[in-house]
Protein backbone atom coordinates (compact mmCIF):
# COMPACT_ATOMS: atom_id res chain seq x y z
CA UNK A 1 0.00 0.00 0.00
CA UNK A 2 1.42 3.40 -0.93
CA UNK A 3 1.40 6.43 1.30
CA UNK A 4 -1.29 7.92 -0.95
CA UNK A 5 -3.59 4.97 -0.15
CA UNK A 6 -3.17 5.34 3.60
CA UNK A 7 -3.79 9.09 3.52
CA UNK A 8 -7.11 8.51 1.77
CA UNK A 9 -8.14 5.77 4.17
CA UNK A 10 -8.22 2.98 1.60
CA UNK A 11 -6.69 -0.17 2.93
CA UNK A 12 -6.69 -3.70 1.55
CA UNK A 13 -10.09 -4.56 3.08
CA UNK A 14 -11.73 -1.56 1.43
CA UNK A 15 -10.13 -2.31 -1.95
CA UNK A 16 -12.18 -5.53 -2.20
CA UNK A 17 -15.37 -3.62 -1.33
CA UNK A 18 -14.54 -0.97 -3.92
CA UNK A 19 -14.04 -3.65 -6.58
CA UNK A 20 -17.47 -5.09 -5.76
CA UNK A 21 -19.05 -1.63 -5.82
CA UNK A 22 -17.36 -0.86 -9.16
CA UNK A 23 -18.44 -4.18 -10.66
CA UNK A 24 -22.01 -3.59 -9.49
CA UNK A 25 -22.02 -0.03 -10.81
CA UNK A 26 -20.55 -1.02 -14.17
CA UNK A 27 -22.96 -3.91 -14.67
CA UNK A 28 -25.89 -1.50 -14.24
CA UNK A 29 -24.32 1.42 -16.12
CA UNK A 30 -26.56 1.27 -19.21
CA UNK A 31 -29.71 1.06 -17.10
CA UNK A 32 -28.43 4.08 -15.15
CA UNK A 33 -27.71 6.03 -18.34
CA UNK A 34 -31.19 5.20 -19.68
CA UNK A 35 -32.88 6.14 -16.36
CA UNK A 36 -34.28 2.61 -16.06
CA UNK A 37 -33.26 1.96 -12.43
CA UNK A 38 -35.58 2.25 -9.44
CA UNK A 39 -34.94 5.38 -7.36
CA UNK A 40 -32.87 3.73 -4.61
CA UNK A 41 -30.67 1.89 -7.13
CA UNK A 42 -30.26 5.05 -9.19
CA UNK A 43 -29.17 6.96 -6.07
CA UNK A 44 -26.73 4.19 -5.14
CA UNK A 45 -25.04 4.33 -8.55
CA UNK A 46 -25.01 8.14 -8.48
CA UNK A 47 -23.28 8.10 -5.07
CA UNK A 48 -20.73 5.62 -6.38
CA UNK A 49 -20.01 7.77 -9.44
CA UNK A 50 -19.64 10.82 -7.20
CA UNK A 51 -16.94 9.00 -5.22
CA UNK A 52 -15.19 6.88 -7.88
CA UNK A 53 -13.25 8.70 -10.58
CA UNK A 54 -12.50 5.56 -12.69
CA UNK A 55 -16.19 4.60 -12.85
CA UNK A 56 -17.16 8.21 -13.57
CA UNK A 57 -14.73 8.17 -16.49
CA UNK A 58 -16.30 4.96 -17.83
CA UNK A 59 -19.77 6.46 -17.35
CA UNK A 60 -18.79 9.59 -19.30
CA UNK A 61 -17.37 7.45 -22.11
CA UNK A 62 -20.48 5.23 -22.33
CA UNK A 63 -22.79 8.24 -22.26
CA UNK A 64 -20.78 9.93 -25.02
CA UNK A 65 -20.76 6.81 -27.20
CA UNK A 66 -24.51 6.38 -26.69
CA UNK A 67 -25.12 10.00 -27.71
CA UNK A 68 -22.95 9.62 -30.82
CA UNK A 69 -24.75 6.45 -31.86
CA UNK A 70 -28.14 8.10 -31.32
CA UNK A 71 -27.14 11.05 -33.51
CA UNK A 72 -25.81 8.72 -36.20
CA UNK A 73 -29.03 6.69 -36.29
CA UNK A 74 -31.36 9.56 -37.04
CA UNK A 75 -31.85 8.67 -40.71
CA UNK A 76 -35.35 7.75 -41.77
CA UNK A 77 -35.98 4.60 -43.81
CA UNK A 78 -37.09 5.17 -47.42
CA UNK A 79 -40.87 5.40 -47.74
CA UNK A 80 -41.07 2.31 -49.97
CA UNK A 81 -39.31 0.21 -47.32
CA UNK A 82 -41.51 1.60 -44.57
CA UNK A 83 -44.64 0.69 -46.56
CA UNK A 84 -43.40 -2.88 -47.23
CA UNK A 85 -42.63 -3.37 -43.54
CA UNK A 86 -46.05 -2.06 -42.51
CA UNK A 87 -47.78 -4.39 -45.00
CA UNK A 88 -45.81 -7.34 -43.65
CA UNK A 89 -46.67 -6.42 -40.06
CA UNK A 90 -50.35 -6.23 -40.97
CA UNK A 91 -50.19 -9.63 -42.69
CA UNK A 92 -48.55 -11.24 -39.70
CA UNK A 93 -51.00 -9.56 -37.33
CA UNK A 94 -53.96 -10.77 -39.44
CA UNK A 95 -52.60 -14.34 -39.54
CA UNK A 96 -52.05 -14.28 -35.78
CA UNK A 97 -55.61 -13.11 -35.13
CA UNK A 98 -57.16 -15.73 -37.41
CA UNK A 99 -55.17 -18.68 -36.08
PDB file of N, CA and C in Angstrom:
ATOM      1  N   UNK A   1       0.860  -1.177   0.000  1.00  0.00           N
ATOM      2  CA  UNK A   1       0.000   0.000   0.000  1.00  0.00           C
ATOM      3  C   UNK A   1       0.895   1.225   0.000  1.00  0.00           C
ATOM      4  N   UNK A   2       0.610   2.182  -0.839  1.00  0.00           N
ATOM      5  CA  UNK A   2       1.420   3.395  -0.925  1.00  0.00           C
ATOM      6  C   UNK A   2       0.968   4.393   0.123  1.00  0.00           C
ATOM      7  N   UNK A   3       1.776   5.407   0.320  1.00  0.00           N
ATOM      8  CA  UNK A   3       1.404   6.428   1.301  1.00  0.00           C
ATOM      9  C   UNK A   3       0.162   7.172   0.856  1.00  0.00           C
ATOM     10  N   UNK A   4      -0.070   7.271  -0.470  1.00  0.00           N
ATOM     11  CA  UNK A   4      -1.286   7.917  -0.954  1.00  0.00           C
ATOM     12  C   UNK A   4      -2.520   7.144  -0.518  1.00  0.00           C
ATOM     13  N   UNK A   5      -2.458   5.791  -0.550  1.00  0.00           N
ATOM     14  CA  UNK A   5      -3.592   4.970  -0.146  1.00  0.00           C
ATOM     15  C   UNK A   5      -3.921   5.183   1.318  1.00  0.00           C
ATOM     16  N   UNK A   6      -2.910   5.208   2.170  1.00  0.00           N
ATOM     17  CA  UNK A   6      -3.174   5.338   3.596  1.00  0.00           C
ATOM     18  C   UNK A   6      -3.701   6.719   3.940  1.00  0.00           C
ATOM     19  N   UNK A   7      -3.292   7.750   3.209  1.00  0.00           N
ATOM     20  CA  UNK A   7      -3.786   9.093   3.519  1.00  0.00           C
ATOM     21  C   UNK A   7      -5.246   9.244   3.124  1.00  0.00           C
ATOM     22  N   UNK A   8      -5.721   8.430   2.175  1.00  0.00           N
ATOM     23  CA  UNK A   8      -7.113   8.506   1.766  1.00  0.00           C
ATOM     24  C   UNK A   8      -7.974   7.519   2.526  1.00  0.00           C
ATOM     25  N   UNK A   9      -7.367   6.700   3.367  1.00  0.00           N
ATOM     26  CA  UNK A   9      -8.136   5.767   4.166  1.00  0.00           C
ATOM     27  C   UNK A   9      -8.555   4.527   3.417  1.00  0.00           C
ATOM     28  N   UNK A  10      -7.871   4.197   2.324  1.00  0.00           N
ATOM     29  CA  UNK A  10      -8.220   2.981   1.601  1.00  0.00           C
ATOM     30  C   UNK A  10      -7.182   1.929   1.905  1.00  0.00           C
ATOM     31  N   UNK A  11      -7.587   0.930   2.613  1.00  0.00           N
ATOM     32  CA  UNK A  11      -6.694  -0.170   2.929  1.00  0.00           C
ATOM     33  C   UNK A  11      -7.085  -1.386   2.126  1.00  0.00           C
ATOM     34  N   UNK A  12      -6.404  -2.508   2.315  1.00  0.00           N
ATOM     35  CA  UNK A  12      -6.695  -3.705   1.551  1.00  0.00           C
ATOM     36  C   UNK A  12      -8.135  -4.191   1.702  1.00  0.00           C
ATOM     37  N   UNK A  13      -8.711  -4.082   2.888  1.00  0.00           N
ATOM     38  CA  UNK A  13     -10.087  -4.559   3.077  1.00  0.00           C
ATOM     39  C   UNK A  13     -11.062  -3.722   2.263  1.00  0.00           C
ATOM     40  N   UNK A  14     -10.833  -2.417   2.180  1.00  0.00           N
ATOM     41  CA  UNK A  14     -11.732  -1.556   1.427  1.00  0.00           C
ATOM     42  C   UNK A  14     -11.547  -1.717  -0.070  1.00  0.00           C
ATOM     43  N   UNK A  15     -10.346  -2.109  -0.526  1.00  0.00           N
ATOM     44  CA  UNK A  15     -10.134  -2.311  -1.951  1.00  0.00           C
ATOM     45  C   UNK A  15     -11.074  -3.381  -2.493  1.00  0.00           C
ATOM     46  N   UNK A  16     -11.269  -4.464  -1.761  1.00  0.00           N
ATOM     47  CA  UNK A  16     -12.175  -5.528  -2.205  1.00  0.00           C
ATOM     48  C   UNK A  16     -13.604  -5.002  -2.284  1.00  0.00           C
ATOM     49  N   UNK A  17     -14.031  -4.203  -1.301  1.00  0.00           N
ATOM     50  CA  UNK A  17     -15.375  -3.618  -1.330  1.00  0.00           C
ATOM     51  C   UNK A  17     -15.531  -2.678  -2.521  1.00  0.00           C
ATOM     52  N   UNK A  18     -14.494  -1.899  -2.799  1.00  0.00           N
ATOM     53  CA  UNK A  18     -14.541  -0.972  -3.917  1.00  0.00           C
ATOM     54  C   UNK A  18     -14.672  -1.732  -5.224  1.00  0.00           C
ATOM     55  N   UNK A  19     -13.942  -2.842  -5.365  1.00  0.00           N
ATOM     56  CA  UNK A  19     -14.045  -3.649  -6.576  1.00  0.00           C
ATOM     57  C   UNK A  19     -15.464  -4.164  -6.766  1.00  0.00           C
ATOM     58  N   UNK A  20     -16.097  -4.610  -5.680  1.00  0.00           N
ATOM     59  CA  UNK A  20     -17.472  -5.094  -5.757  1.00  0.00           C
ATOM     60  C   UNK A  20     -18.396  -3.945  -6.133  1.00  0.00           C
ATOM     61  N   UNK A  21     -18.220  -2.790  -5.494  1.00  0.00           N
ATOM     62  CA  UNK A  21     -19.051  -1.631  -5.820  1.00  0.00           C
ATOM     63  C   UNK A  21     -18.876  -1.224  -7.276  1.00  0.00           C
ATOM     64  N   UNK A  22     -17.630  -1.234  -7.758  1.00  0.00           N
ATOM     65  CA  UNK A  22     -17.365  -0.863  -9.155  1.00  0.00           C
ATOM     66  C   UNK A  22     -18.002  -1.875 -10.092  1.00  0.00           C
ATOM     67  N   UNK A  23     -17.848  -3.147  -9.806  1.00  0.00           N
ATOM     68  CA  UNK A  23     -18.437  -4.178 -10.662  1.00  0.00           C
ATOM     69  C   UNK A  23     -19.949  -4.019 -10.711  1.00  0.00           C
ATOM     70  N   UNK A  24     -20.554  -3.768  -9.550  1.00  0.00           N
ATOM     71  CA  UNK A  24     -22.013  -3.593  -9.486  1.00  0.00           C
ATOM     72  C   UNK A  24     -22.436  -2.344 -10.264  1.00  0.00           C
ATOM     73  N   UNK A  25     -21.697  -1.270 -10.105  1.00  0.00           N
ATOM     74  CA  UNK A  25     -22.020  -0.029 -10.812  1.00  0.00           C
ATOM     75  C   UNK A  25     -21.874  -0.212 -12.319  1.00  0.00           C
ATOM     76  N   UNK A  26     -20.800  -0.861 -12.738  1.00  0.00           N
ATOM     77  CA  UNK A  26     -20.554  -1.020 -14.168  1.00  0.00           C
ATOM     78  C   UNK A  26     -21.557  -1.961 -14.818  1.00  0.00           C
ATOM     79  N   UNK A  27     -22.001  -2.980 -14.079  1.00  0.00           N
ATOM     80  CA  UNK A  27     -22.962  -3.914 -14.671  1.00  0.00           C
ATOM     81  C   UNK A  27     -24.330  -3.260 -14.862  1.00  0.00           C
ATOM     82  N   UNK A  28     -24.602  -2.193 -14.122  1.00  0.00           N
ATOM     83  CA  UNK A  28     -25.895  -1.502 -14.244  1.00  0.00           C
ATOM     84  C   UNK A  28     -25.771  -0.138 -14.922  1.00  0.00           C
ATOM     85  N   UNK A  29     -24.601   0.116 -15.537  1.00  0.00           N
ATOM     86  CA  UNK A  29     -24.319   1.424 -16.116  1.00  0.00           C
ATOM     87  C   UNK A  29     -25.320   1.818 -17.201  1.00  0.00           C
ATOM     88  N   UNK A  30     -25.649   0.903 -18.120  1.00  0.00           N
ATOM     89  CA  UNK A  30     -26.559   1.271 -19.207  1.00  0.00           C
ATOM     90  C   UNK A  30     -27.963   1.548 -18.688  1.00  0.00           C
ATOM     91  N   UNK A  31     -28.388   0.795 -17.699  1.00  0.00           N
ATOM     92  CA  UNK A  31     -29.705   1.058 -17.100  1.00  0.00           C
ATOM     93  C   UNK A  31     -29.697   2.420 -16.409  1.00  0.00           C
ATOM     94  N   UNK A  32     -28.571   2.772 -15.791  1.00  0.00           N
ATOM     95  CA  UNK A  32     -28.430   4.080 -15.146  1.00  0.00           C
ATOM     96  C   UNK A  32     -28.500   5.186 -16.200  1.00  0.00           C
ATOM     97  N   UNK A  33     -27.744   5.021 -17.278  1.00  0.00           N
ATOM     98  CA  UNK A  33     -27.715   6.030 -18.343  1.00  0.00           C
ATOM     99  C   UNK A  33     -29.108   6.224 -18.937  1.00  0.00           C
ATOM    100  N   UNK A  34     -29.847   5.133 -19.076  1.00  0.00           N
ATOM    101  CA  UNK A  34     -31.185   5.197 -19.675  1.00  0.00           C
ATOM    102  C   UNK A  34     -32.282   5.526 -18.664  1.00  0.00           C
ATOM    103  N   UNK A  35     -31.916   5.829 -17.428  1.00  0.00           N
ATOM    104  CA  UNK A  35     -32.878   6.136 -16.363  1.00  0.00           C
ATOM    105  C   UNK A  35     -33.887   5.005 -16.169  1.00  0.00           C
ATOM    106  N   UNK A  36     -33.402   3.775 -16.197  1.00  0.00           N
ATOM    107  CA  UNK A  36     -34.276   2.606 -16.058  1.00  0.00           C
ATOM    108  C   UNK A  36     -34.129   1.923 -14.700  1.00  0.00           C
ATOM    109  N   UNK A  37     -33.443   2.545 -13.759  1.00  0.00           N
ATOM    110  CA  UNK A  37     -33.265   1.959 -12.426  1.00  0.00           C
ATOM    111  C   UNK A  37     -34.285   2.534 -11.456  1.00  0.00           C
ATOM    112  N   UNK A  38     -34.728   1.709 -10.500  1.00  0.00           N
ATOM    113  CA  UNK A  38     -35.578   2.249  -9.437  1.00  0.00           C
ATOM    114  C   UNK A  38     -34.819   3.348  -8.684  1.00  0.00           C
ATOM    115  N   UNK A  39     -35.537   4.225  -8.028  1.00  0.00           N
ATOM    116  CA  UNK A  39     -34.942   5.384  -7.360  1.00  0.00           C
ATOM    117  C   UNK A  39     -33.782   5.070  -6.438  1.00  0.00           C
ATOM    118  N   UNK A  40     -33.927   4.062  -5.569  1.00  0.00           N
ATOM    119  CA  UNK A  40     -32.871   3.729  -4.615  1.00  0.00           C
ATOM    120  C   UNK A  40     -31.623   3.223  -5.337  1.00  0.00           C
ATOM    121  N   UNK A  41     -31.808   2.401  -6.365  1.00  0.00           N
ATOM    122  CA  UNK A  41     -30.670   1.891  -7.130  1.00  0.00           C
ATOM    123  C   UNK A  41     -29.992   3.017  -7.900  1.00  0.00           C
ATOM    124  N   UNK A  42     -30.799   3.907  -8.463  1.00  0.00           N
ATOM    125  CA  UNK A  42     -30.258   5.052  -9.186  1.00  0.00           C
ATOM    126  C   UNK A  42     -29.395   5.897  -8.251  1.00  0.00           C
ATOM    127  N   UNK A  43     -29.908   6.154  -7.046  1.00  0.00           N
ATOM    128  CA  UNK A  43     -29.170   6.958  -6.068  1.00  0.00           C
ATOM    129  C   UNK A  43     -27.877   6.270  -5.651  1.00  0.00           C
ATOM    130  N   UNK A  44     -27.918   4.936  -5.518  1.00  0.00           N
ATOM    131  CA  UNK A  44     -26.726   4.187  -5.142  1.00  0.00           C
ATOM    132  C   UNK A  44     -25.635   4.330  -6.212  1.00  0.00           C
ATOM    133  N   UNK A  45     -26.013   4.197  -7.470  1.00  0.00           N
ATOM    134  CA  UNK A  45     -25.043   4.332  -8.554  1.00  0.00           C
ATOM    135  C   UNK A  45     -24.544   5.770  -8.624  1.00  0.00           C
ATOM    136  N   UNK A  46     -25.429   6.730  -8.448  1.00  0.00           N
ATOM    137  CA  UNK A  46     -25.015   8.142  -8.479  1.00  0.00           C
ATOM    138  C   UNK A  46     -23.995   8.433  -7.379  1.00  0.00           C
ATOM    139  N   UNK A  47     -24.244   7.914  -6.176  1.00  0.00           N
ATOM    140  CA  UNK A  47     -23.282   8.096  -5.071  1.00  0.00           C
ATOM    141  C   UNK A  47     -21.936   7.479  -5.435  1.00  0.00           C
ATOM    142  N   UNK A  48     -21.977   6.282  -6.004  1.00  0.00           N
ATOM    143  CA  UNK A  48     -20.730   5.617  -6.377  1.00  0.00           C
ATOM    144  C   UNK A  48     -19.973   6.446  -7.409  1.00  0.00           C
ATOM    145  N   UNK A  49     -20.666   6.955  -8.413  1.00  0.00           N
ATOM    146  CA  UNK A  49     -20.008   7.767  -9.439  1.00  0.00           C
ATOM    147  C   UNK A  49     -19.450   9.058  -8.852  1.00  0.00           C
ATOM    148  N   UNK A  50     -20.130   9.609  -7.861  1.00  0.00           N
ATOM    149  CA  UNK A  50     -19.644  10.824  -7.202  1.00  0.00           C
ATOM    150  C   UNK A  50     -18.327  10.581  -6.466  1.00  0.00           C
ATOM    151  N   UNK A  51     -18.117   9.325  -6.033  1.00  0.00           N
ATOM    152  CA  UNK A  51     -16.942   8.997  -5.218  1.00  0.00           C
ATOM    153  C   UNK A  51     -15.854   8.246  -5.970  1.00  0.00           C
ATOM    154  N   UNK A  52     -16.124   7.761  -7.181  1.00  0.00           N
ATOM    155  CA  UNK A  52     -15.191   6.879  -7.878  1.00  0.00           C
ATOM    156  C   UNK A  52     -14.838   7.452  -9.252  1.00  0.00           C
ATOM    157  N   UNK A  53     -13.672   8.071  -9.337  1.00  0.00           N
ATOM    158  CA  UNK A  53     -13.248   8.699 -10.585  1.00  0.00           C
ATOM    159  C   UNK A  53     -13.130   7.705 -11.750  1.00  0.00           C
ATOM    160  N   UNK A  54     -12.581   6.494 -11.559  1.00  0.00           N
ATOM    161  CA  UNK A  54     -12.497   5.561 -12.693  1.00  0.00           C
ATOM    162  C   UNK A  54     -13.883   5.190 -13.250  1.00  0.00           C
ATOM    163  N   UNK A  55     -14.836   4.933 -12.379  1.00  0.00           N
ATOM    164  CA  UNK A  55     -16.186   4.603 -12.849  1.00  0.00           C
ATOM    165  C   UNK A  55     -16.848   5.811 -13.498  1.00  0.00           C
ATOM    166  N   UNK A  56     -16.604   6.994 -12.968  1.00  0.00           N
ATOM    167  CA  UNK A  56     -17.158   8.207 -13.567  1.00  0.00           C
ATOM    168  C   UNK A  56     -16.613   8.388 -14.975  1.00  0.00           C
ATOM    169  N   UNK A  57     -15.328   8.097 -15.166  1.00  0.00           N
ATOM    170  CA  UNK A  57     -14.731   8.167 -16.494  1.00  0.00           C
ATOM    171  C   UNK A  57     -15.381   7.192 -17.455  1.00  0.00           C
ATOM    172  N   UNK A  58     -15.642   5.968 -16.983  1.00  0.00           N
ATOM    173  CA  UNK A  58     -16.303   4.962 -17.831  1.00  0.00           C
ATOM    174  C   UNK A  58     -17.734   5.392 -18.142  1.00  0.00           C
ATOM    175  N   UNK A  59     -18.402   5.959 -17.152  1.00  0.00           N
ATOM    176  CA  UNK A  59     -19.772   6.461 -17.353  1.00  0.00           C
ATOM    177  C   UNK A  59     -19.779   7.549 -18.427  1.00  0.00           C
ATOM    178  N   UNK A  60     -18.856   8.508 -18.313  1.00  0.00           N
ATOM    179  CA  UNK A  60     -18.794   9.588 -19.298  1.00  0.00           C
ATOM    180  C   UNK A  60     -18.543   9.048 -20.696  1.00  0.00           C
ATOM    181  N   UNK A  61     -17.657   8.054 -20.810  1.00  0.00           N
ATOM    182  CA  UNK A  61     -17.367   7.450 -22.106  1.00  0.00           C
ATOM    183  C   UNK A  61     -18.609   6.763 -22.678  1.00  0.00           C
ATOM    184  N   UNK A  62     -19.283   5.948 -21.865  1.00  0.00           N
ATOM    185  CA  UNK A  62     -20.475   5.233 -22.334  1.00  0.00           C
ATOM    186  C   UNK A  62     -21.587   6.195 -22.731  1.00  0.00           C
ATOM    187  N   UNK A  63     -21.754   7.245 -21.951  1.00  0.00           N
ATOM    188  CA  UNK A  63     -22.790   8.239 -22.257  1.00  0.00           C
ATOM    189  C   UNK A  63     -22.475   8.958 -23.573  1.00  0.00           C
ATOM    190  N   UNK A  64     -21.202   9.266 -23.791  1.00  0.00           N
ATOM    191  CA  UNK A  64     -20.783   9.935 -25.020  1.00  0.00           C
ATOM    192  C   UNK A  64     -20.985   9.029 -26.233  1.00  0.00           C
ATOM    193  N   UNK A  65     -20.584   7.760 -26.100  1.00  0.00           N
ATOM    194  CA  UNK A  65     -20.764   6.813 -27.196  1.00  0.00           C
ATOM    195  C   UNK A  65     -22.252   6.651 -27.517  1.00  0.00           C
ATOM    196  N   UNK A  66     -23.071   6.529 -26.483  1.00  0.00           N
ATOM    197  CA  UNK A  66     -24.513   6.376 -26.687  1.00  0.00           C
ATOM    198  C   UNK A  66     -25.083   7.595 -27.422  1.00  0.00           C
ATOM    199  N   UNK A  67     -24.642   8.781 -27.060  1.00  0.00           N
ATOM    200  CA  UNK A  67     -25.121  10.001 -27.710  1.00  0.00           C
ATOM    201  C   UNK A  67     -24.673  10.048 -29.175  1.00  0.00           C
ATOM    202  N   UNK A  68     -23.442   9.642 -29.449  1.00  0.00           N
ATOM    203  CA  UNK A  68     -22.950   9.624 -30.821  1.00  0.00           C
ATOM    204  C   UNK A  68     -23.724   8.627 -31.680  1.00  0.00           C
ATOM    205  N   UNK A  69     -23.987   7.459 -31.133  1.00  0.00           N
ATOM    206  CA  UNK A  69     -24.755   6.448 -31.864  1.00  0.00           C
ATOM    207  C   UNK A  69     -26.164   6.966 -32.134  1.00  0.00           C
ATOM    208  N   UNK A  70     -26.777   7.579 -31.144  1.00  0.00           N
ATOM    209  CA  UNK A  70     -28.136   8.100 -31.316  1.00  0.00           C
ATOM    210  C   UNK A  70     -28.178   9.157 -32.421  1.00  0.00           C
ATOM    211  N   UNK A  71     -27.184  10.028 -32.461  1.00  0.00           N
ATOM    212  CA  UNK A  71     -27.143  11.053 -33.511  1.00  0.00           C
ATOM    213  C   UNK A  71     -26.916  10.434 -34.879  1.00  0.00           C
ATOM    214  N   UNK A  72     -26.129   9.368 -34.924  1.00  0.00           N
ATOM    215  CA  UNK A  72     -25.809   8.718 -36.197  1.00  0.00           C
ATOM    216  C   UNK A  72     -26.981   7.907 -36.736  1.00  0.00           C
ATOM    217  N   UNK A  73     -27.908   7.549 -35.884  1.00  0.00           N
ATOM    218  CA  UNK A  73     -29.031   6.694 -36.293  1.00  0.00           C
ATOM    219  C   UNK A  73     -30.298   7.491 -36.522  1.00  0.00           C
ATOM    220  N   UNK A  74     -30.176   8.719 -36.895  1.00  0.00           N
ATOM    221  CA  UNK A  74     -31.361   9.560 -37.044  1.00  0.00           C
ATOM    222  C   UNK A  74     -31.942   9.526 -38.453  1.00  0.00           C
ATOM    223  N   UNK A  75     -31.330   8.745 -39.347  1.00  0.00           N
ATOM    224  CA  UNK A  75     -31.853   8.673 -40.706  1.00  0.00           C
ATOM    225  C   UNK A  75     -33.188   7.946 -40.724  1.00  0.00           C
ATOM    226  N   UNK A  76     -34.032   8.365 -41.617  1.00  0.00           N
ATOM    227  CA  UNK A  76     -35.353   7.748 -41.774  1.00  0.00           C
ATOM    228  C   UNK A  76     -35.283   6.742 -42.924  1.00  0.00           C
ATOM    229  N   UNK A  77     -35.933   5.621 -42.754  1.00  0.00           N
ATOM    230  CA  UNK A  77     -35.976   4.604 -43.813  1.00  0.00           C
ATOM    231  C   UNK A  77     -36.731   5.154 -45.012  1.00  0.00           C
ATOM    232  N   UNK A  78     -36.351   4.721 -46.218  1.00  0.00           N
ATOM    233  CA  UNK A  78     -37.090   5.166 -47.415  1.00  0.00           C
ATOM    234  C   UNK A  78     -38.565   4.780 -47.297  1.00  0.00           C
ATOM    235  N   UNK A  79     -39.423   5.612 -47.859  1.00  0.00           N
ATOM    236  CA  UNK A  79     -40.868   5.396 -47.742  1.00  0.00           C
ATOM    237  C   UNK A  79     -41.297   4.034 -48.296  1.00  0.00           C
ATOM    238  N   UNK A  80     -40.687   3.601 -49.391  1.00  0.00           N
ATOM    239  CA  UNK A  80     -41.073   2.307 -49.975  1.00  0.00           C
ATOM    240  C   UNK A  80     -40.760   1.163 -48.996  1.00  0.00           C
ATOM    241  N   UNK A  81     -39.648   1.235 -48.314  1.00  0.00           N
ATOM    242  CA  UNK A  81     -39.306   0.215 -47.322  1.00  0.00           C
ATOM    243  C   UNK A  81     -40.272   0.266 -46.149  1.00  0.00           C
ATOM    244  N   UNK A  82     -40.575   1.451 -45.685  1.00  0.00           N
ATOM    245  CA  UNK A  82     -41.513   1.603 -44.575  1.00  0.00           C
ATOM    246  C   UNK A  82     -42.861   0.979 -44.918  1.00  0.00           C
ATOM    247  N   UNK A  83     -43.342   1.225 -46.143  1.00  0.00           N
ATOM    248  CA  UNK A  83     -44.636   0.685 -46.560  1.00  0.00           C
ATOM    249  C   UNK A  83     -44.601  -0.843 -46.633  1.00  0.00           C
ATOM    250  N   UNK A  84     -43.519  -1.421 -47.158  1.00  0.00           N
ATOM    251  CA  UNK A  84     -43.399  -2.883 -47.229  1.00  0.00           C
ATOM    252  C   UNK A  84     -43.387  -3.492 -45.837  1.00  0.00           C
ATOM    253  N   UNK A  85     -42.681  -2.868 -44.919  1.00  0.00           N
ATOM    254  CA  UNK A  85     -42.631  -3.374 -43.544  1.00  0.00           C
ATOM    255  C   UNK A  85     -44.012  -3.299 -42.908  1.00  0.00           C
ATOM    256  N   UNK A  86     -44.707  -2.199 -43.079  1.00  0.00           N
ATOM    257  CA  UNK A  86     -46.050  -2.061 -42.511  1.00  0.00           C
ATOM    258  C   UNK A  86     -47.011  -3.101 -43.080  1.00  0.00           C
ATOM    259  N   UNK A  87     -46.926  -3.372 -44.393  1.00  0.00           N
ATOM    260  CA  UNK A  87     -47.781  -4.393 -45.003  1.00  0.00           C
ATOM    261  C   UNK A  87     -47.470  -5.753 -44.390  1.00  0.00           C
ATOM    262  N   UNK A  88     -46.208  -6.057 -44.239  1.00  0.00           N
ATOM    263  CA  UNK A  88     -45.813  -7.342 -43.655  1.00  0.00           C
ATOM    264  C   UNK A  88     -46.305  -7.460 -42.204  1.00  0.00           C
ATOM    265  N   UNK A  89     -46.187  -6.409 -41.452  1.00  0.00           N
ATOM    266  CA  UNK A  89     -46.667  -6.419 -40.061  1.00  0.00           C
ATOM    267  C   UNK A  89     -48.172  -6.683 -40.037  1.00  0.00           C
ATOM    268  N   UNK A  90     -48.902  -6.017 -40.915  1.00  0.00           N
ATOM    269  CA  UNK A  90     -50.353  -6.232 -40.965  1.00  0.00           C
ATOM    270  C   UNK A  90     -50.693  -7.671 -41.337  1.00  0.00           C
ATOM    271  N   UNK A  91     -49.949  -8.239 -42.295  1.00  0.00           N
ATOM    272  CA  UNK A  91     -50.185  -9.628 -42.695  1.00  0.00           C
ATOM    273  C   UNK A  91     -49.940 -10.585 -41.529  1.00  0.00           C
ATOM    274  N   UNK A  92     -48.873 -10.389 -40.840  1.00  0.00           N
ATOM    275  CA  UNK A  92     -48.546 -11.243 -39.696  1.00  0.00           C
ATOM    276  C   UNK A  92     -49.592 -11.063 -38.603  1.00  0.00           C
ATOM    277  N   UNK A  93     -49.975  -9.840 -38.345  1.00  0.00           N
ATOM    278  CA  UNK A  93     -50.998  -9.561 -37.333  1.00  0.00           C
ATOM    279  C   UNK A  93     -52.319 -10.227 -37.712  1.00  0.00           C
ATOM    280  N   UNK A  94     -52.709 -10.154 -38.975  1.00  0.00           N
ATOM    281  CA  UNK A  94     -53.955 -10.770 -39.436  1.00  0.00           C
ATOM    282  C   UNK A  94     -53.891 -12.282 -39.270  1.00  0.00           C
ATOM    283  N   UNK A  95     -52.749 -12.892 -39.687  1.00  0.00           N
ATOM    284  CA  UNK A  95     -52.601 -14.345 -39.538  1.00  0.00           C
ATOM    285  C   UNK A  95     -52.654 -14.770 -38.072  1.00  0.00           C
ATOM    286  N   UNK A  96     -52.057 -13.975 -37.213  1.00  0.00           N
ATOM    287  CA  UNK A  96     -52.048 -14.277 -35.784  1.00  0.00           C
ATOM    288  C   UNK A  96     -53.469 -14.238 -35.221  1.00  0.00           C
ATOM    289  N   UNK A  97     -54.249 -13.255 -35.632  1.00  0.00           N
ATOM    290  CA  UNK A  97     -55.612 -13.108 -35.128  1.00  0.00           C
ATOM    291  C   UNK A  97     -56.532 -14.224 -35.645  1.00  0.00           C
ATOM    292  N   UNK A  98     -56.277 -14.719 -36.847  1.00  0.00           N
ATOM    293  CA  UNK A  98     -57.157 -15.726 -37.415  1.00  0.00           C
ATOM    294  C   UNK A  98     -56.761 -17.152 -37.047  1.00  0.00           C
ATOM    295  N   UNK A  99     -55.607 -17.331 -36.479  1.00  0.00           N
ATOM    296  CA  UNK A  99     -55.170 -18.681 -36.076  1.00  0.00           C
ATOM    297  C   UNK A  99     -55.705 -19.105 -34.750  1.00  0.00           C
TER     298      UNK A  99
END
